[in-house]
Protein backbone atom coordinates (compact mmCIF):
# COMPACT_ATOMS: atom_id res chain seq x y z
CA UNK A 1 82.10 -28.63 -102.59
CA UNK A 2 78.65 -30.25 -101.54
CA UNK A 3 80.72 -30.36 -98.74
CA UNK A 4 81.03 -26.24 -98.43
CA UNK A 5 77.90 -25.95 -99.18
CA UNK A 6 76.66 -28.04 -96.12
CA UNK A 7 79.59 -26.63 -93.95
CA UNK A 8 77.82 -22.90 -94.97
CA UNK A 9 73.80 -24.08 -94.25
CA UNK A 10 75.18 -26.09 -91.44
CA UNK A 11 75.90 -22.28 -89.98
CA UNK A 12 72.56 -20.97 -91.32
CA UNK A 13 71.18 -23.48 -89.58
CA UNK A 14 72.91 -22.56 -85.83
CA UNK A 15 71.19 -18.88 -86.04
CA UNK A 16 69.49 -18.59 -83.67
CA UNK A 17 65.79 -17.40 -84.90
CA UNK A 18 63.15 -17.07 -83.66
CA UNK A 19 60.16 -19.67 -83.66
CA UNK A 20 58.00 -17.53 -85.97
CA UNK A 21 61.05 -16.31 -88.31
CA UNK A 22 62.06 -20.10 -88.77
CA UNK A 23 58.10 -20.93 -89.42
CA UNK A 24 58.63 -17.81 -91.82
CA UNK A 25 61.93 -19.36 -93.30
CA UNK A 26 61.46 -22.96 -94.25
CA UNK A 27 60.16 -22.05 -97.20
CA UNK A 28 63.58 -20.26 -98.25
CA UNK A 29 65.95 -22.78 -97.04
CA UNK A 30 63.70 -26.01 -98.46
CA UNK A 31 65.03 -24.21 -101.69
CA UNK A 32 68.52 -23.03 -100.95
CA UNK A 33 68.93 -26.82 -100.03
CA UNK A 34 66.82 -27.71 -102.97
CA UNK A 35 69.32 -25.57 -105.20
CA UNK A 36 71.95 -25.82 -103.62
CA UNK A 37 71.46 -30.07 -104.44
CA UNK A 38 70.67 -29.92 -107.86
CA UNK A 39 73.83 -27.55 -108.37
CA UNK A 40 76.50 -29.47 -106.57
CA UNK A 41 74.52 -32.40 -108.86
CA UNK A 42 75.50 -31.07 -112.05
CA UNK A 43 78.61 -29.38 -112.01
CA UNK A 44 80.25 -32.60 -110.75
CA UNK A 45 79.06 -34.39 -113.51
CA UNK A 46 79.67 -31.53 -116.31
CA UNK A 47 83.04 -30.42 -114.84
CA UNK A 48 84.36 -32.64 -113.64
CA UNK A 49 83.92 -35.72 -115.95
CA UNK A 50 82.69 -38.13 -112.76
CA UNK A 51 81.07 -41.79 -113.98
CA UNK A 52 77.58 -41.18 -114.02
CA UNK A 53 77.56 -43.78 -111.14
CA UNK A 54 79.47 -41.63 -109.07
CA UNK A 55 77.36 -38.05 -109.63
CA UNK A 56 74.55 -40.49 -109.25
CA UNK A 57 76.08 -41.05 -105.59
CA UNK A 58 76.60 -38.38 -104.44
CA UNK A 59 72.53 -36.89 -105.55
CA UNK A 60 71.74 -39.96 -103.83
CA UNK A 61 74.06 -37.85 -100.57
CA UNK A 62 72.25 -35.24 -101.21
CA UNK A 63 68.56 -36.13 -101.57
CA UNK A 64 69.49 -38.01 -98.17
CA UNK A 65 70.40 -34.73 -96.35
CA UNK A 66 67.15 -32.93 -97.97
CA UNK A 67 65.18 -35.93 -96.74
CA UNK A 68 66.94 -35.85 -93.30
CA UNK A 69 66.65 -32.19 -92.78
CA UNK A 70 62.70 -31.83 -94.45
CA UNK A 71 61.51 -34.83 -91.27
CA UNK A 72 63.92 -31.90 -88.51
CA UNK A 73 62.12 -29.07 -90.32
CA UNK A 74 58.66 -31.54 -90.66
CA UNK A 75 59.32 -32.38 -86.58
CA UNK A 76 59.63 -28.72 -85.57
CA UNK A 77 56.51 -27.40 -88.11
CA UNK A 78 54.14 -30.04 -85.73
CA UNK A 79 56.05 -29.03 -82.08
CA UNK A 80 54.67 -25.03 -83.30
CA UNK A 81 51.13 -25.93 -84.60
CA UNK A 82 51.27 -28.12 -80.58
CA UNK A 83 52.44 -24.79 -79.48
CA UNK A 84 50.42 -23.25 -81.18
CA UNK A 85 46.53 -25.26 -80.69
CA UNK A 86 47.14 -24.79 -76.87
CA UNK A 87 47.35 -21.41 -77.12
CA UNK A 88 44.20 -20.80 -79.09
CA UNK A 89 42.50 -23.68 -76.32
CA UNK A 90 44.15 -21.41 -73.11
CA UNK A 91 42.79 -17.59 -75.34
CA UNK A 92 39.63 -19.44 -75.96
CA UNK A 93 38.40 -19.76 -72.08
CA UNK A 94 37.71 -17.78 -69.40
CA UNK A 95 39.72 -18.15 -66.10
CA UNK A 96 38.81 -17.52 -62.84
CA UNK A 97 41.01 -14.14 -62.55
CA UNK A 98 38.22 -12.74 -65.95
CA UNK A 99 35.57 -14.09 -64.38
CA UNK A 100 36.48 -12.58 -61.22
CA UNK A 101 37.35 -9.36 -62.74
CA UNK A 102 34.03 -9.17 -64.54
CA UNK A 103 31.74 -9.75 -61.49
CA UNK A 104 34.60 -7.24 -60.68
CA UNK A 105 33.33 -4.24 -62.79
CA UNK A 106 30.07 -5.52 -62.70
CA UNK A 107 29.70 -4.79 -58.93
CA UNK A 108 31.72 -1.59 -59.66
CA UNK A 109 28.94 -0.04 -61.87
CA UNK A 110 26.21 -0.91 -59.84
CA UNK A 111 28.17 0.95 -57.00
CA UNK A 112 28.54 3.67 -58.54
CA UNK A 113 24.95 3.49 -59.54
CA UNK A 114 23.67 3.50 -55.77
CA UNK A 115 26.51 6.60 -55.73
CA UNK A 116 24.75 8.19 -57.48
CA UNK A 117 21.51 7.85 -55.98
CA UNK A 118 21.94 8.14 -53.01
CA UNK A 119 23.59 11.48 -53.39
CA UNK A 120 20.36 12.45 -55.80
CA UNK A 121 18.13 11.16 -52.61
CA UNK A 122 20.42 12.79 -50.81
CA UNK A 123 19.86 16.14 -52.34
CA UNK A 124 15.84 16.25 -52.04
CA UNK A 125 16.08 15.66 -48.04
CA UNK A 126 17.82 19.02 -47.85
């Protein structure tokens, strides 16, 4: 039963999810792992008549798998947090294109003002 359950979970892991959906599903996946480990440990202990050391060994294997999954998820979260920090930093500072665009916008407004002023001067001379 443990092999089947973790086989199904590994299939879930192989699904290519976007980064945002990975972040949203981390809590759900962790909950599924915890529930499966609890079900596997308790069902094997009571149903199959395993001795207590054997049941503890299986529970230990499940706990080790959960810890490795937790480490992988925390590594992915750290990478995502780094990417978010880099994006925030790049967004907070204006780049050269924004600076040139701002100067062009200001010059364009002055050009429109000068055109209107020149037009009123031409109308006054007539």
